[in-house]
N, C-alpha and C. Protein backbone atom coordinates (compact mmCIF):
# COMPACT_ATOMS: atom_id res chain seq x y z
N MET A 1 1.02 -1.19 0.02
CA MET A 1 -0.16 0.06 0.11
C MET A 1 0.83 1.10 -0.05
N ALA A 2 1.69 1.33 0.77
CA ALA A 2 2.77 2.30 0.80
C ALA A 2 3.44 2.92 -0.44
N ASN A 3 3.38 1.96 -1.61
CA ASN A 3 3.94 2.35 -2.93
C ASN A 3 2.98 3.17 -3.77
N GLN A 4 1.58 3.05 -3.16
CA GLN A 4 0.64 3.87 -4.06
C GLN A 4 0.24 5.09 -3.45
N PHE A 5 1.06 5.70 -2.52
CA PHE A 5 0.77 7.08 -1.88
C PHE A 5 2.07 7.73 -1.71
N PHE A 6 1.99 9.38 -1.93
CA PHE A 6 2.80 10.07 -2.14
C PHE A 6 2.90 11.35 -0.95
N THR A 7 3.88 11.57 -0.43
CA THR A 7 4.23 12.55 0.59
C THR A 7 3.78 13.89 -0.04
N ASN A 8 3.56 15.06 0.94
CA ASN A 8 3.43 16.46 0.31
C ASN A 8 4.39 16.82 -0.61
N PHE A 9 5.58 16.23 -0.64
CA PHE A 9 6.84 16.73 -1.38
C PHE A 9 6.97 15.66 -2.50
N ASP A 10 5.81 14.94 -2.79
CA ASP A 10 5.70 13.87 -4.11
C ASP A 10 6.87 12.82 -3.93
N GLU A 11 7.15 12.40 -3.15
CA GLU A 11 8.25 11.37 -2.55
C GLU A 11 7.28 9.90 -2.24
N PRO A 12 7.49 8.84 -2.80
CA PRO A 12 6.66 7.84 -2.24
C PRO A 12 6.82 7.49 -0.71
N VAL A 13 5.48 7.03 -0.24
CA VAL A 13 5.53 7.01 1.32
C VAL A 13 6.55 5.89 1.71
N GLY A 14 6.54 4.73 1.08
CA GLY A 14 7.36 3.60 1.39
C GLY A 14 8.82 4.11 1.27
N LYS A 15 9.31 5.09 0.42
CA LYS A 15 10.58 5.46 0.30
C LYS A 15 10.96 6.17 1.58
N ARG A 16 10.13 7.34 1.85
CA ARG A 16 10.18 8.10 2.91
C ARG A 16 10.22 7.26 4.45
N LEU A 17 9.43 6.21 4.51
CA LEU A 17 9.49 5.34 5.56
C LEU A 17 10.81 4.65 5.87
N CYS A 18 11.47 4.28 4.57
CA CYS A 18 12.50 3.60 4.66
C CYS A 18 14.02 4.39 4.84
N ASP A 19 13.91 5.67 4.47
CA ASP A 19 14.84 6.76 4.69
C ASP A 19 14.84 7.33 5.90
N HIS A 20 13.73 7.64 6.41
CA HIS A 20 13.56 8.38 7.72
C HIS A 20 12.69 7.85 9.00
N ASP A 21 12.91 8.07 10.11
CA ASP A 21 12.14 7.71 11.03
C ASP A 21 11.25 9.06 11.59
N ASP A 22 10.36 9.44 10.90
CA ASP A 22 9.64 10.59 10.94
C ASP A 22 8.29 10.71 10.71
N ILE A 23 7.50 9.74 11.12
CA ILE A 23 5.99 9.79 11.06
C ILE A 23 5.54 10.58 12.18
N ILE A 24 4.79 11.86 11.65
CA ILE A 24 4.22 12.73 12.68
C ILE A 24 2.82 12.33 13.23
N ASP A 25 1.96 11.80 12.39
CA ASP A 25 0.67 11.25 12.82
C ASP A 25 0.22 10.12 12.05
N VAL A 26 -0.83 9.49 12.51
CA VAL A 26 -1.59 8.27 11.69
C VAL A 26 -3.05 8.74 11.87
N THR A 27 -3.59 8.61 10.58
CA THR A 27 -5.06 8.76 10.73
C THR A 27 -5.63 7.32 10.26
N LEU A 28 -6.51 6.96 11.20
CA LEU A 28 -7.41 5.62 11.06
C LEU A 28 -8.57 6.14 10.42
N TYR A 29 -9.05 5.09 9.34
CA TYR A 29 -10.32 5.52 8.74
C TYR A 29 -11.31 4.18 9.09
N PHE A 30 -12.49 4.39 9.49
CA PHE A 30 -13.25 3.28 10.04
C PHE A 30 -14.38 3.18 8.95
N ALA A 31 -15.18 1.93 9.04
CA ALA A 31 -16.18 1.62 8.09
C ALA A 31 -17.34 2.50 8.20
N ASP A 32 -17.52 3.19 9.27
CA ASP A 32 -18.53 3.95 9.48
C ASP A 32 -18.39 5.44 9.11
N ASN A 33 -17.27 5.64 8.35
CA ASN A 33 -16.75 6.77 7.70
C ASN A 33 -16.13 7.77 8.74
N THR A 34 -15.97 7.20 9.92
CA THR A 34 -15.43 8.20 10.95
C THR A 34 -13.97 8.01 10.85
N ARG A 35 -13.11 8.83 11.45
CA ARG A 35 -11.69 8.76 11.24
C ARG A 35 -11.20 9.51 12.64
N GLU A 36 -10.03 8.80 13.07
CA GLU A 36 -9.25 9.43 14.28
C GLU A 36 -7.87 9.70 13.98
N ARG A 37 -7.48 10.73 14.15
CA ARG A 37 -6.07 11.24 13.97
C ARG A 37 -5.07 11.10 15.29
N ILE A 38 -3.99 10.30 15.29
CA ILE A 38 -3.39 10.07 16.56
C ILE A 38 -1.86 10.71 16.04
N GLU A 39 -1.43 11.57 17.07
CA GLU A 39 -0.16 12.39 16.88
C GLU A 39 0.93 11.37 17.61
N LEU A 40 2.02 11.19 17.25
CA LEU A 40 2.96 10.33 17.70
C LEU A 40 4.10 11.40 18.53
N ALA A 41 4.77 10.86 19.55
CA ALA A 41 5.54 11.52 20.23
C ALA A 41 6.87 11.70 19.33
N TRP A 42 7.53 12.97 19.52
CA TRP A 42 8.69 13.34 18.61
C TRP A 42 9.56 13.81 19.78
N SER A 43 11.01 13.36 19.46
CA SER A 43 12.24 13.57 20.31
C SER A 43 12.69 15.11 20.04
N GLU A 44 12.33 15.75 18.87
CA GLU A 44 12.70 17.00 18.72
C GLU A 44 14.04 17.29 18.58
N ASN A 45 14.85 16.16 18.74
CA ASN A 45 16.61 16.26 18.32
C ASN A 45 16.92 16.59 16.78
N SER A 46 15.85 16.20 15.91
CA SER A 46 16.17 16.38 14.45
C SER A 46 14.72 16.51 13.73
N GLU A 47 14.76 17.48 12.70
CA GLU A 47 13.47 17.63 12.01
C GLU A 47 13.21 16.52 11.04
N ASP A 48 14.06 15.64 10.73
CA ASP A 48 13.84 14.60 9.93
C ASP A 48 13.70 13.15 10.69
N ASN A 49 14.50 13.03 11.55
CA ASN A 49 14.64 11.45 12.21
C ASN A 49 14.19 11.73 13.63
N ASN A 50 13.21 10.86 13.99
CA ASN A 50 12.64 10.77 15.46
C ASN A 50 13.32 9.73 16.18
N GLU A 51 14.42 9.73 17.10
CA GLU A 51 15.10 8.97 17.68
C GLU A 51 13.86 7.87 18.54
N TRP A 52 12.72 8.40 18.80
CA TRP A 52 11.99 7.61 19.44
C TRP A 52 11.00 6.68 18.88
N GLN A 53 11.36 6.60 17.50
CA GLN A 53 10.58 5.75 16.60
C GLN A 53 11.59 4.92 15.93
N SER A 54 11.26 3.71 15.45
CA SER A 54 11.78 3.00 14.57
C SER A 54 10.57 2.36 13.77
N HIS A 55 11.07 1.66 12.66
CA HIS A 55 10.18 0.97 11.83
C HIS A 55 10.70 -0.14 11.19
N HIS A 56 9.88 -0.95 10.51
CA HIS A 56 10.24 -2.14 9.74
C HIS A 56 9.11 -2.17 8.37
N LEU A 57 9.55 -1.86 7.37
CA LEU A 57 8.75 -1.72 6.24
C LEU A 57 9.22 -2.86 5.27
N GLU A 58 8.51 -3.74 4.96
CA GLU A 58 8.79 -4.99 4.23
C GLU A 58 8.12 -4.46 2.63
N VAL A 59 8.93 -4.37 1.79
CA VAL A 59 8.66 -3.91 0.23
C VAL A 59 8.85 -5.24 -0.66
N LYS A 60 7.72 -5.67 -1.19
CA LYS A 60 7.91 -6.62 -2.03
C LYS A 60 7.90 -6.21 -3.46
N SER A 61 7.86 -5.18 -3.74
CA SER A 61 7.99 -4.67 -5.19
C SER A 61 8.69 -3.34 -5.22
N ARG A 62 9.23 -2.91 -6.29
CA ARG A 62 9.71 -1.38 -6.67
C ARG A 62 8.82 -0.34 -6.30
N LEU A 63 9.04 0.75 -5.77
CA LEU A 63 8.11 1.74 -5.57
C LEU A 63 7.92 2.44 -6.67
N ILE A 64 6.82 2.30 -7.29
CA ILE A 64 6.27 2.69 -8.62
C ILE A 64 5.17 3.82 -8.44
N LYS A 65 5.43 5.11 -8.77
CA LYS A 65 4.53 6.31 -8.89
C LYS A 65 3.18 5.58 -9.62
N VAL A 66 2.03 5.68 -8.97
CA VAL A 66 0.94 5.30 -9.62
C VAL A 66 0.21 6.72 -10.06
N ILE A 67 -0.34 7.14 -11.19
CA ILE A 67 -0.75 8.47 -11.76
C ILE A 67 -2.19 7.93 -11.94
């Protein structure tokens, strides 16, 4: 799924997740059309990398921009 979406800077989300630990928030979308935004803690030692976060993203195919 990450291969299908792009950041505000037109960068594939999957690539961004692999390059940086900087997720700011997560929005959960529910079947009843409601959503909940959850802000994540930020260490503020860097603008790009959050030392309080780590990630593992398994990519089974190349990052391809879907237009």
